[in-house]
């Protein structure tokens, strides 16, 4: 399976540092999906975006790094982030270009 396989699949966002769960689940249950083709998507609140990801090395540790582009209530948004998987939990960070940033925690569906 390798490091890449640890990330592939659908993940339910269960916690964010900047927004409560009611906001995360505003439109649909908040989620992030990582696909094998280095693509994916996420949706929470009114934000929906496509992901372009790579595995990167941080010292001797590997993690998934991504850029994203999408919309928030019709406004174009973009940014970057990263995620690490330990067991069945994904922890990561979203950073919106010229906007908010938030850590997140997700569980594999």
PDB file of N, CA and C in Angstrom:
ATOM      1  N   UNK A   1       0.838  -1.188   0.000  1.00  0.00           N
ATOM      2  CA  UNK A   1       0.000   0.000   0.000  1.00  0.00           C
ATOM      3  C   UNK A   1       0.879   1.245   0.000  1.00  0.00           C
ATOM      4  N   UNK A   2       1.884   1.327   0.843  1.00  0.00           N
ATOM      5  CA  UNK A   2       2.781   2.469   0.884  1.00  0.00           C
ATOM      6  C   UNK A   2       2.137   3.708   1.463  1.00  0.00           C
ATOM      7  N   UNK A   3       2.937   4.758   1.555  1.00  0.00           N
ATOM      8  CA  UNK A   3       2.465   6.011   2.156  1.00  0.00           C
ATOM      9  C   UNK A   3       1.266   6.570   1.403  1.00  0.00           C
ATOM     10  N   UNK A   4       1.295   6.522   0.075  1.00  0.00           N
ATOM     11  CA  UNK A   4       0.208   7.062  -0.729  1.00  0.00           C
ATOM     12  C   UNK A   4      -1.114   6.393  -0.376  1.00  0.00           C
ATOM     13  N   UNK A   5      -1.097   5.088  -0.225  1.00  0.00           N
ATOM     14  CA  UNK A   5      -2.304   4.336   0.081  1.00  0.00           C
ATOM     15  C   UNK A   5      -2.937   4.697   1.404  1.00  0.00           C
ATOM     16  N   UNK A   6      -2.148   5.196   2.336  1.00  0.00           N
ATOM     17  CA  UNK A   6      -2.693   5.608   3.631  1.00  0.00           C
ATOM     18  C   UNK A   6      -3.669   6.773   3.495  1.00  0.00           C
ATOM     19  N   UNK A   7      -3.527   7.576   2.453  1.00  0.00           N
ATOM     20  CA  UNK A   7      -4.332   8.789   2.274  1.00  0.00           C
ATOM     21  C   UNK A   7      -5.552   8.589   1.383  1.00  0.00           C
ATOM     22  N   UNK A   8      -5.473   7.638   0.458  1.00  0.00           N
ATOM     23  CA  UNK A   8      -6.513   7.455  -0.549  1.00  0.00           C
ATOM     24  C   UNK A   8      -7.839   7.091   0.103  1.00  0.00           C
ATOM     25  N   UNK A   9      -8.894   7.787  -0.307  1.00  0.00           N
ATOM     26  CA  UNK A   9     -10.232   7.477   0.179  1.00  0.00           C
ATOM     27  C   UNK A   9     -10.983   8.715   0.620  1.00  0.00           C
ATOM     28  N   UNK A  10     -12.144   8.468   1.223  1.00  0.00           N
ATOM     29  CA  UNK A  10     -13.003   9.542   1.711  1.00  0.00           C
ATOM     30  C   UNK A  10     -12.829   9.685   3.215  1.00  0.00           C
ATOM     31  N   UNK A  11     -12.683  10.917   3.660  1.00  0.00           N
ATOM     32  CA  UNK A  11     -12.463  11.233   5.063  1.00  0.00           C
ATOM     33  C   UNK A  11     -13.525  12.220   5.532  1.00  0.00           C
ATOM     34  N   UNK A  12     -14.115  11.966   6.669  1.00  0.00           N
ATOM     35  CA  UNK A  12     -15.136  12.836   7.266  1.00  0.00           C
ATOM     36  C   UNK A  12     -14.445  13.832   8.190  1.00  0.00           C
ATOM     37  N   UNK A  13     -14.609  15.136   7.937  1.00  0.00           N
ATOM     38  CA  UNK A  13     -14.016  16.161   8.802  1.00  0.00           C
ATOM     39  C   UNK A  13     -14.825  16.222  10.093  1.00  0.00           C
ATOM     40  N   UNK A  14     -14.163  15.940  11.219  1.00  0.00           N
ATOM     41  CA  UNK A  14     -14.857  15.890  12.512  1.00  0.00           C
ATOM     42  C   UNK A  14     -14.483  17.050  13.428  1.00  0.00           C
ATOM     43  N   UNK A  15     -13.491  17.827  13.035  1.00  0.00           N
ATOM     44  CA  UNK A  15     -13.062  18.945  13.886  1.00  0.00           C
ATOM     45  C   UNK A  15     -12.249  19.933  13.063  1.00  0.00           C
ATOM     46  N   UNK A  16     -12.480  21.236  13.307  1.00  0.00           N
ATOM     47  CA  UNK A  16     -11.669  22.294  12.711  1.00  0.00           C
ATOM     48  C   UNK A  16     -11.393  23.336  13.782  1.00  0.00           C
ATOM     49  N   UNK A  17     -10.213  23.944  13.737  1.00  0.00           N
ATOM     50  CA  UNK A  17      -9.840  24.908  14.778  1.00  0.00           C
ATOM     51  C   UNK A  17     -10.579  26.235  14.639  1.00  0.00           C
ATOM     52  N   UNK A  18     -10.992  26.608  13.436  1.00  0.00           N
ATOM     53  CA  UNK A  18     -11.592  27.923  13.219  1.00  0.00           C
ATOM     54  C   UNK A  18     -13.112  27.923  13.114  1.00  0.00           C
ATOM     55  N   UNK A  19     -13.725  26.768  12.891  1.00  0.00           N
ATOM     56  CA  UNK A  19     -15.170  26.719  12.694  1.00  0.00           C
ATOM     57  C   UNK A  19     -15.758  25.556  13.483  1.00  0.00           C
ATOM     58  N   UNK A  20     -16.981  25.759  14.006  1.00  0.00           N
ATOM     59  CA  UNK A  20     -17.629  24.680  14.752  1.00  0.00           C
ATOM     60  C   UNK A  20     -18.242  23.669  13.780  1.00  0.00           C
ATOM     61  N   UNK A  21     -18.649  22.524  14.322  1.00  0.00           N
ATOM     62  CA  UNK A  21     -19.135  21.434  13.480  1.00  0.00           C
ATOM     63  C   UNK A  21     -20.417  21.801  12.735  1.00  0.00           C
ATOM     64  N   UNK A  22     -21.259  22.649  13.321  1.00  0.00           N
ATOM     65  CA  UNK A  22     -22.468  23.084  12.611  1.00  0.00           C
ATOM     66  C   UNK A  22     -22.103  23.798  11.313  1.00  0.00           C
ATOM     67  N   UNK A  23     -21.060  24.635  11.348  1.00  0.00           N
ATOM     68  CA  UNK A  23     -20.618  25.302  10.123  1.00  0.00           C
ATOM     69  C   UNK A  23     -19.969  24.305   9.172  1.00  0.00           C
ATOM     70  N   UNK A  24     -19.116  23.437   9.693  1.00  0.00           N
ATOM     71  CA  UNK A  24     -18.436  22.436   8.857  1.00  0.00           C
ATOM     72  C   UNK A  24     -19.460  21.644   8.051  1.00  0.00           C
ATOM     73  N   UNK A  25     -20.587  21.290   8.682  1.00  0.00           N
ATOM     74  CA  UNK A  25     -21.622  20.461   8.056  1.00  0.00           C
ATOM     75  C   UNK A  25     -22.779  21.282   7.483  1.00  0.00           C
ATOM     76  N   UNK A  26     -22.572  22.551   7.215  1.00  0.00           N
ATOM     77  CA  UNK A  26     -23.633  23.469   6.792  1.00  0.00           C
ATOM     78  C   UNK A  26     -24.403  22.987   5.559  1.00  0.00           C
ATOM     79  N   UNK A  27     -23.710  22.592   4.508  1.00  0.00           N
ATOM     80  CA  UNK A  27     -24.349  22.183   3.253  1.00  0.00           C
ATOM     81  C   UNK A  27     -24.404  20.664   3.138  1.00  0.00           C
ATOM     82  N   UNK A  28     -23.295  20.012   3.383  1.00  0.00           N
ATOM     83  CA  UNK A  28     -23.175  18.548   3.400  1.00  0.00           C
ATOM     84  C   UNK A  28     -22.253  18.205   4.565  1.00  0.00           C
ATOM     85  N   UNK A  29     -22.223  16.947   5.001  1.00  0.00           N
ATOM     86  CA  UNK A  29     -21.226  16.585   6.009  1.00  0.00           C
ATOM     87  C   UNK A  29     -19.820  16.922   5.487  1.00  0.00           C
ATOM     88  N   UNK A  30     -19.050  17.684   6.268  1.00  0.00           N
ATOM     89  CA  UNK A  30     -17.715  18.094   5.846  1.00  0.00           C
ATOM     90  C   UNK A  30     -16.846  16.890   5.525  1.00  0.00           C
ATOM     91  N   UNK A  31     -16.108  16.968   4.423  1.00  0.00           N
ATOM     92  CA  UNK A  31     -15.287  15.832   4.014  1.00  0.00           C
ATOM     93  C   UNK A  31     -14.116  16.278   3.142  1.00  0.00           C
ATOM     94  N   UNK A  32     -13.144  15.390   3.038  1.00  0.00           N
ATOM     95  CA  UNK A  32     -12.023  15.542   2.117  1.00  0.00           C
ATOM     96  C   UNK A  32     -11.825  14.185   1.460  1.00  0.00           C
ATOM     97  N   UNK A  33     -11.688  14.183   0.143  1.00  0.00           N
ATOM     98  CA  UNK A  33     -11.512  12.953  -0.625  1.00  0.00           C
ATOM     99  C   UNK A  33     -10.179  13.027  -1.351  1.00  0.00           C
ATOM    100  N   UNK A  34      -9.363  11.991  -1.172  1.00  0.00           N
ATOM    101  CA  UNK A  34      -8.058  11.901  -1.826  1.00  0.00           C
ATOM    102  C   UNK A  34      -8.127  10.763  -2.838  1.00  0.00           C
ATOM    103  N   UNK A  35      -7.842  11.077  -4.103  1.00  0.00           N
ATOM    104  CA  UNK A  35      -7.895  10.085  -5.179  1.00  0.00           C
ATOM    105  C   UNK A  35      -6.482   9.672  -5.573  1.00  0.00           C
ATOM    106  N   UNK A  36      -6.357   8.493  -6.192  1.00  0.00           N
ATOM    107  CA  UNK A  36      -5.051   7.953  -6.570  1.00  0.00           C
ATOM    108  C   UNK A  36      -4.334   8.771  -7.637  1.00  0.00           C
ATOM    109  N   UNK A  37      -5.052   9.550  -8.423  1.00  0.00           N
ATOM    110  CA  UNK A  37      -4.461  10.277  -9.549  1.00  0.00           C
ATOM    111  C   UNK A  37      -3.885  11.640  -9.155  1.00  0.00           C
ATOM    112  N   UNK A  38      -3.515  11.803  -7.891  1.00  0.00           N
ATOM    113  CA  UNK A  38      -2.973  13.062  -7.354  1.00  0.00           C
ATOM    114  C   UNK A  38      -3.992  14.193  -7.360  1.00  0.00           C
ATOM    115  N   UNK A  39      -5.263  13.826  -7.376  1.00  0.00           N
ATOM    116  CA  UNK A  39      -6.342  14.804  -7.330  1.00  0.00           C
ATOM    117  C   UNK A  39      -7.231  14.480  -6.131  1.00  0.00           C
ATOM    118  N   UNK A  40      -8.197  15.330  -5.884  1.00  0.00           N
ATOM    119  CA  UNK A  40      -9.157  15.108  -4.817  1.00  0.00           C
ATOM    120  C   UNK A  40     -10.063  16.312  -4.699  1.00  0.00           C
ATOM    121  N   UNK A  41     -10.817  16.353  -3.624  1.00  0.00           N
ATOM    122  CA  UNK A  41     -11.711  17.483  -3.395  1.00  0.00           C
ATOM    123  C   UNK A  41     -12.084  17.529  -1.927  1.00  0.00           C
ATOM    124  N   UNK A  42     -12.575  18.689  -1.503  1.00  0.00           N
ATOM    125  CA  UNK A  42     -13.106  18.798  -0.148  1.00  0.00           C
ATOM    126  C   UNK A  42     -14.297  19.730  -0.157  1.00  0.00           C
ATOM    127  N   UNK A  43     -15.123  19.589   0.875  1.00  0.00           N
ATOM    128  CA  UNK A  43     -16.251  20.483   1.063  1.00  0.00           C
ATOM    129  C   UNK A  43     -16.527  20.599   2.548  1.00  0.00           C
ATOM    130  N   UNK A  44     -16.627  21.826   3.010  1.00  0.00           N
ATOM    131  CA  UNK A  44     -17.088  22.124   4.368  1.00  0.00           C
ATOM    132  C   UNK A  44     -17.678  23.526   4.338  1.00  0.00           C
ATOM    133  N   UNK A  45     -18.644  23.776   5.213  1.00  0.00           N
ATOM    134  CA  UNK A  45     -19.329  25.062   5.170  1.00  0.00           C
ATOM    135  C   UNK A  45     -19.870  25.291   3.774  1.00  0.00           C
ATOM    136  N   UNK A  46     -19.648  26.485   3.231  1.00  0.00           N
ATOM    137  CA  UNK A  46     -20.058  26.800   1.861  1.00  0.00           C
ATOM    138  C   UNK A  46     -18.883  26.686   0.892  1.00  0.00           C
ATOM    139  N   UNK A  47     -17.775  26.106   1.344  1.00  0.00           N
ATOM    140  CA  UNK A  47     -16.563  25.970   0.535  1.00  0.00           C
ATOM    141  C   UNK A  47     -16.566  24.611  -0.157  1.00  0.00           C
ATOM    142  N   UNK A  48     -16.291  24.627  -1.456  1.00  0.00           N
ATOM    143  CA  UNK A  48     -16.122  23.401  -2.229  1.00  0.00           C
ATOM    144  C   UNK A  48     -14.933  23.613  -3.143  1.00  0.00           C
ATOM    145  N   UNK A  49     -13.955  22.693  -3.116  1.00  0.00           N
ATOM    146  CA  UNK A  49     -12.726  22.911  -3.882  1.00  0.00           C
ATOM    147  C   UNK A  49     -12.126  21.602  -4.382  1.00  0.00           C
ATOM    148  N   UNK A  50     -11.369  21.713  -5.468  1.00  0.00           N
ATOM    149  CA  UNK A  50     -10.598  20.612  -6.034  1.00  0.00           C
ATOM    150  C   UNK A  50      -9.175  20.683  -5.489  1.00  0.00           C
ATOM    151  N   UNK A  51      -8.567  19.523  -5.298  1.00  0.00           N
ATOM    152  CA  UNK A  51      -7.221  19.401  -4.725  1.00  0.00           C
ATOM    153  C   UNK A  51      -6.260  18.827  -5.766  1.00  0.00           C
ATOM    154  N   UNK A  52      -5.035  19.332  -5.766  1.00  0.00           N
ATOM    155  CA  UNK A  52      -3.911  18.778  -6.523  1.00  0.00           C
ATOM    156  C   UNK A  52      -2.844  18.462  -5.481  1.00  0.00           C
ATOM    157  N   UNK A  53      -2.524  17.174  -5.270  1.00  0.00           N
ATOM    158  CA  UNK A  53      -1.654  16.810  -4.149  1.00  0.00           C
ATOM    159  C   UNK A  53      -0.383  16.089  -4.591  1.00  0.00           C
ATOM    160  N   UNK A  54       0.589  16.103  -3.679  1.00  0.00           N
ATOM    161  CA  UNK A  54       1.861  15.385  -3.823  1.00  0.00           C
ATOM    162  C   UNK A  54       2.286  14.892  -2.442  1.00  0.00           C
ATOM    163  N   UNK A  55       3.094  13.850  -2.416  1.00  0.00           N
ATOM    164  CA  UNK A  55       3.737  13.423  -1.167  1.00  0.00           C
ATOM    165  C   UNK A  55       5.045  14.200  -1.063  1.00  0.00           C
ATOM    166  N   UNK A  56       5.298  14.812   0.111  1.00  0.00           N
ATOM    167  CA  UNK A  56       6.530  15.570   0.317  1.00  0.00           C
ATOM    168  C   UNK A  56       7.238  15.056   1.562  1.00  0.00           C
ATOM    169  N   UNK A  57       8.533  15.296   1.604  1.00  0.00           N
ATOM    170  CA  UNK A  57       9.347  14.925   2.757  1.00  0.00           C
ATOM    171  C   UNK A  57       9.569  16.152   3.630  1.00  0.00           C
ATOM    172  N   UNK A  58       9.343  15.994   4.923  1.00  0.00           N
ATOM    173  CA  UNK A  58       9.653  17.013   5.923  1.00  0.00           C
ATOM    174  C   UNK A  58      10.642  16.335   6.871  1.00  0.00           C
ATOM    175  N   UNK A  59      11.928  16.621   6.671  1.00  0.00           N
ATOM    176  CA  UNK A  59      12.953  15.868   7.388  1.00  0.00           C
ATOM    177  C   UNK A  59      12.877  14.420   6.927  1.00  0.00           C
ATOM    178  N   UNK A  60      12.642  13.511   7.853  1.00  0.00           N
ATOM    179  CA  UNK A  60      12.497  12.098   7.503  1.00  0.00           C
ATOM    180  C   UNK A  60      11.037  11.663   7.471  1.00  0.00           C
ATOM    181  N   UNK A  61      10.131  12.592   7.690  1.00  0.00           N
ATOM    182  CA  UNK A  61       8.693  12.294   7.703  1.00  0.00           C
ATOM    183  C   UNK A  61       8.061  12.633   6.354  1.00  0.00           C
ATOM    184  N   UNK A  62       7.098  11.814   5.949  1.00  0.00           N
ATOM    185  CA  UNK A  62       6.353  12.069   4.722  1.00  0.00           C
ATOM    186  C   UNK A  62       4.963  12.599   5.069  1.00  0.00           C
ATOM    187  N   UNK A  63       4.449  13.489   4.228  1.00  0.00           N
ATOM    188  CA  UNK A  63       3.076  13.953   4.383  1.00  0.00           C
ATOM    189  C   UNK A  63       2.524  14.327   3.013  1.00  0.00           C
ATOM    190  N   UNK A  64       1.217  14.491   2.958  1.00  0.00           N
ATOM    191  CA  UNK A  64       0.535  14.883   1.742  1.00  0.00           C
ATOM    192  C   UNK A  64       0.426  16.404   1.726  1.00  0.00           C
ATOM    193  N   UNK A  65       0.946  17.033   0.694  1.00  0.00           N
ATOM    194  CA  UNK A  65       0.853  18.488   0.530  1.00  0.00           C
ATOM    195  C   UNK A  65      -0.041  18.752  -0.673  1.00  0.00           C
ATOM    196  N   UNK A  66      -0.874  19.793  -0.591  1.00  0.00           N
ATOM    197  CA  UNK A  66      -1.800  20.055  -1.686  1.00  0.00           C
ATOM    198  C   UNK A  66      -2.042  21.545  -1.894  1.00  0.00           C
ATOM    199  N   UNK A  67      -2.442  21.856  -3.107  1.00  0.00           N
ATOM    200  CA  UNK A  67      -3.001  23.169  -3.421  1.00  0.00           C
ATOM    201  C   UNK A  67      -4.472  22.932  -3.734  1.00  0.00           C
ATOM    202  N   UNK A  68      -5.278  23.996  -3.640  1.00  0.00           N
ATOM    203  CA  UNK A  68      -6.694  23.835  -3.960  1.00  0.00           C
ATOM    204  C   UNK A  68      -7.245  25.088  -4.620  1.00  0.00           C
ATOM    205  N   UNK A  69      -8.333  24.881  -5.363  1.00  0.00           N
ATOM    206  CA  UNK A  69      -9.057  25.975  -6.002  1.00  0.00           C
ATOM    207  C   UNK A  69     -10.521  25.592  -6.040  1.00  0.00           C
ATOM    208  N   UNK A  70     -11.380  26.556  -5.723  1.00  0.00           N
ATOM    209  CA  UNK A  70     -12.801  26.278  -5.716  1.00  0.00           C
ATOM    210  C   UNK A  70     -13.617  27.521  -5.468  1.00  0.00           C
ATOM    211  N   UNK A  71     -14.724  27.350  -4.729  1.00  0.00           N
ATOM    212  CA  UNK A  71     -15.605  28.487  -4.471  1.00  0.00           C
ATOM    213  C   UNK A  71     -16.112  28.473  -3.034  1.00  0.00           C
ATOM    214  N   UNK A  72     -16.467  29.657  -2.568  1.00  0.00           N
ATOM    215  CA  UNK A  72     -17.068  29.864  -1.253  1.00  0.00           C
ATOM    216  C   UNK A  72     -18.217  30.846  -1.464  1.00  0.00           C
ATOM    217  N   UNK A  73     -19.435  30.338  -1.443  1.00  0.00           N
ATOM    218  CA  UNK A  73     -20.623  31.154  -1.719  1.00  0.00           C
ATOM    219  C   UNK A  73     -20.503  31.901  -3.046  1.00  0.00           C
ATOM    220  N   UNK A  74     -19.957  31.230  -4.052  1.00  0.00           N
ATOM    221  CA  UNK A  74     -19.833  31.820  -5.382  1.00  0.00           C
ATOM    222  C   UNK A  74     -18.558  32.599  -5.625  1.00  0.00           C
ATOM    223  N   UNK A  75     -17.807  32.913  -4.576  1.00  0.00           N
ATOM    224  CA  UNK A  75     -16.526  33.611  -4.730  1.00  0.00           C
ATOM    225  C   UNK A  75     -15.416  32.594  -4.962  1.00  0.00           C
ATOM    226  N   UNK A  76     -14.496  32.901  -5.864  1.00  0.00           N
ATOM    227  CA  UNK A  76     -13.369  32.011  -6.128  1.00  0.00           C
ATOM    228  C   UNK A  76     -12.420  32.033  -4.936  1.00  0.00           C
ATOM    229  N   UNK A  77     -11.998  30.842  -4.508  1.00  0.00           N
ATOM    230  CA  UNK A  77     -11.013  30.710  -3.431  1.00  0.00           C
ATOM    231  C   UNK A  77      -9.904  29.771  -3.890  1.00  0.00           C
ATOM    232  N   UNK A  78      -8.730  29.950  -3.306  1.00  0.00           N
ATOM    233  CA  UNK A  78      -7.602  29.063  -3.575  1.00  0.00           C
ATOM    234  C   UNK A  78      -6.725  29.043  -2.337  1.00  0.00           C
ATOM    235  N   UNK A  79      -5.796  28.111  -2.324  1.00  0.00           N
ATOM    236  CA  UNK A  79      -4.892  28.034  -1.189  1.00  0.00           C
ATOM    237  C   UNK A  79      -4.068  26.766  -1.225  1.00  0.00           C
ATOM    238  N   UNK A  80      -3.603  26.403  -0.051  1.00  0.00           N
ATOM    239  CA  UNK A  80      -2.731  25.237   0.087  1.00  0.00           C
ATOM    240  C   UNK A  80      -3.007  24.570   1.423  1.00  0.00           C
ATOM    241  N   UNK A  81      -2.394  23.421   1.609  1.00  0.00           N
ATOM    242  CA  UNK A  81      -2.543  22.728   2.879  1.00  0.00           C
ATOM    243  C   UNK A  81      -1.691  21.478   2.914  1.00  0.00           C
ATOM    244  N   UNK A  82      -1.845  20.748   3.982  1.00  0.00           N
ATOM    245  CA  UNK A  82      -1.134  19.487   4.143  1.00  0.00           C
ATOM    246  C   UNK A  82      -1.950  18.572   5.043  1.00  0.00           C
ATOM    247  N   UNK A  83      -1.606  17.281   5.006  1.00  0.00           N
ATOM    248  CA  UNK A  83      -2.273  16.297   5.857  1.00  0.00           C
ATOM    249  C   UNK A  83      -1.303  15.178   6.195  1.00  0.00           C
ATOM    250  N   UNK A  84      -1.485  14.634   7.387  1.00  0.00           N
ATOM    251  CA  UNK A  84      -0.731  13.465   7.847  1.00  0.00           C
ATOM    252  C   UNK A  84      -1.731  12.456   8.380  1.00  0.00           C
ATOM    253  N   UNK A  85      -1.458  11.179   8.159  1.00  0.00           N
ATOM    254  CA  UNK A  85      -2.337  10.122   8.653  1.00  0.00           C
ATOM    255  C   UNK A  85      -1.598   9.311   9.699  1.00  0.00           C
ATOM    256  N   UNK A  86      -2.262   9.144  10.843  1.00  0.00           N
ATOM    257  CA  UNK A  86      -1.769   8.275  11.911  1.00  0.00           C
ATOM    258  C   UNK A  86      -2.922   7.368  12.302  1.00  0.00           C
ATOM    259  N   UNK A  87      -2.767   6.065  12.018  1.00  0.00           N
ATOM    260  CA  UNK A  87      -3.869   5.150  12.278  1.00  0.00           C
ATOM    261  C   UNK A  87      -5.030   5.496  11.363  1.00  0.00           C
ATOM    262  N   UNK A  88      -6.221   5.622  11.920  1.00  0.00           N
ATOM    263  CA  UNK A  88      -7.401   5.967  11.136  1.00  0.00           C
ATOM    264  C   UNK A  88      -7.743   7.433  11.182  1.00  0.00           C
ATOM    265  N   UNK A  89      -6.796   8.279  11.594  1.00  0.00           N
ATOM    266  CA  UNK A  89      -7.061   9.708  11.733  1.00  0.00           C
ATOM    267  C   UNK A  89      -6.154  10.523  10.813  1.00  0.00           C
ATOM    268  N   UNK A  90      -6.765  11.484  10.133  1.00  0.00           N
ATOM    269  CA  UNK A  90      -6.019  12.437   9.313  1.00  0.00           C
ATOM    270  C   UNK A  90      -6.022  13.777  10.042  1.00  0.00           C
ATOM    271  N   UNK A  91      -4.856  14.355  10.230  1.00  0.00           N
ATOM    272  CA  UNK A  91      -4.719  15.698  10.790  1.00  0.00           C
ATOM    273  C   UNK A  91      -4.062  16.567   9.735  1.00  0.00           C
ATOM    274  N   UNK A  92      -4.541  17.800   9.606  1.00  0.00           N
ATOM    275  CA  UNK A  92      -3.973  18.652   8.579  1.00  0.00           C
ATOM    276  C   UNK A  92      -4.304  20.111   8.772  1.00  0.00           C
ATOM    277  N   UNK A  93      -4.079  20.869   7.700  1.00  0.00           N
ATOM    278  CA  UNK A  93      -4.197  22.326   7.747  1.00  0.00           C
ATOM    279  C   UNK A  93      -4.636  22.843   6.386  1.00  0.00           C
ATOM    280  N   UNK A  94      -5.634  23.719   6.380  1.00  0.00           N
ATOM    281  CA  UNK A  94      -6.062  24.453   5.194  1.00  0.00           C
ATOM    282  C   UNK A  94      -5.627  25.905   5.355  1.00  0.00           C
ATOM    283  N   UNK A  95      -5.064  26.503   4.309  1.00  0.00           N
ATOM    284  CA  UNK A  95      -4.690  27.917   4.319  1.00  0.00           C
ATOM    285  C   UNK A  95      -5.234  28.563   3.047  1.00  0.00           C
ATOM    286  N   UNK A  96      -6.204  29.462   3.215  1.00  0.00           N
ATOM    287  CA  UNK A  96      -6.811  30.155   2.086  1.00  0.00           C
ATOM    288  C   UNK A  96      -5.947  31.349   1.695  1.00  0.00           C
ATOM    289  N   UNK A  97      -5.684  31.496   0.391  1.00  0.00           N
ATOM    290  CA  UNK A  97      -4.886  32.617  -0.108  1.00  0.00           C
ATOM    291  C   UNK A  97      -5.547  33.930   0.307  1.00  0.00           C
ATOM    292  N   UNK A  98      -4.798  34.760   1.021  1.00  0.00           N
ATOM    293  CA  UNK A  98      -5.273  36.053   1.527  1.00  0.00           C
ATOM    294  C   UNK A  98      -6.513  35.916   2.409  1.00  0.00           C
ATOM    295  N   UNK A  99      -6.588  34.798   3.153  1.00  0.00           N
ATOM    296  CA  UNK A  99      -7.771  34.573   3.982  1.00  0.00           C
ATOM    297  C   UNK A  99      -7.475  33.760   5.224  1.00  0.00           C
ATOM    298  N   UNK A 100      -8.486  33.024   5.661  1.00  0.00           N
ATOM    299  CA  UNK A 100      -8.409  32.238   6.889  1.00  0.00           C
ATOM    300  C   UNK A 100      -7.519  31.018   6.739  1.00  0.00           C
ATOM    301  N   UNK A 101      -7.138  30.462   7.879  1.00  0.00           N
ATOM    302  CA  UNK A 101      -6.499  29.153   7.900  1.00  0.00           C
ATOM    303  C   UNK A 101      -7.040  28.389   9.094  1.00  0.00           C
ATOM    304  N   UNK A 102      -7.008  27.069   8.998  1.00  0.00           N
ATOM    305  CA  UNK A 102      -7.559  26.229  10.055  1.00  0.00           C
ATOM    306  C   UNK A 102      -6.916  24.855  10.024  1.00  0.00           C
ATOM    307  N   UNK A 103      -6.667  24.316  11.197  1.00  0.00           N
ATOM    308  CA  UNK A 103      -6.300  22.912  11.279  1.00  0.00           C
ATOM    309  C   UNK A 103      -7.586  22.102  11.167  1.00  0.00           C
ATOM    310  N   UNK A 104      -7.439  20.825  10.828  1.00  0.00           N
ATOM    311  CA  UNK A 104      -8.597  19.948  10.764  1.00  0.00           C
ATOM    312  C   UNK A 104      -8.224  18.539  11.197  1.00  0.00           C
ATOM    313  N   UNK A 105      -9.246  17.806  11.600  1.00  0.00           N
ATOM    314  CA  UNK A 105      -9.108  16.402  11.965  1.00  0.00           C
ATOM    315  C   UNK A 105     -10.204  15.650  11.227  1.00  0.00           C
ATOM    316  N   UNK A 106      -9.854  14.513  10.618  1.00  0.00           N
ATOM    317  CA  UNK A 106     -10.829  13.739   9.858  1.00  0.00           C
ATOM    318  C   UNK A 106     -10.649  12.252  10.144  1.00  0.00           C
ATOM    319  N   UNK A 107     -11.754  11.514  10.007  1.00  0.00           N
ATOM    320  CA  UNK A 107     -11.738  10.059  10.168  1.00  0.00           C
ATOM    321  C   UNK A 107     -12.117   9.416   8.848  1.00  0.00           C
ATOM    322  N   UNK A 108     -11.482   8.291   8.532  1.00  0.00           N
ATOM    323  CA  UNK A 108     -11.767   7.596   7.279  1.00  0.00           C
ATOM    324  C   UNK A 108     -13.180   7.045   7.305  1.00  0.00           C
ATOM    325  N   UNK A 109     -13.909   7.241   6.208  1.00  0.00           N
ATOM    326  CA  UNK A 109     -15.287   6.740   6.093  1.00  0.00           C
ATOM    327  C   UNK A 109     -15.283   5.244   5.867  1.00  0.00           C
TER     328      UNK A 109
END
